[in-house]
């Protein structure tokens, strides 16, 4: 030993026991902190996975809503087209009925004319 340093006294039995208890307590504390850290890491991984699944689910939900909107728009367009076609068909039917009525009138006129000639 150098002159400026005091040599430590050897530990007696009671002091050695106390040091061992403190070391054991510290070891248990460190082990518990490591277990807590592992549990927190697992919880973080689980939450990260759940968040990813929720994002994926939200994106799928948004895709489905968008698809349903497209289908609804397409159906509305088809309905409008069908209504327009029905209106055109009705107009053509009415025109055909008028033509048929005029034709019948002409036939009657011709028959009357023929009957007048006979």
Foldseek 3Di string as FASTA:
>chain_A
DDDVDDDDDDDDPVRVVVVVVVVVVVVVVVVVVVVVVVVVVVVVVVVVVVVVVVVVVVVVVVVVVVVVVVVVVVVVVVVVVVVVVVVVVVVVVVVVVVVVVVVVVVVVVVVVVVVVVD
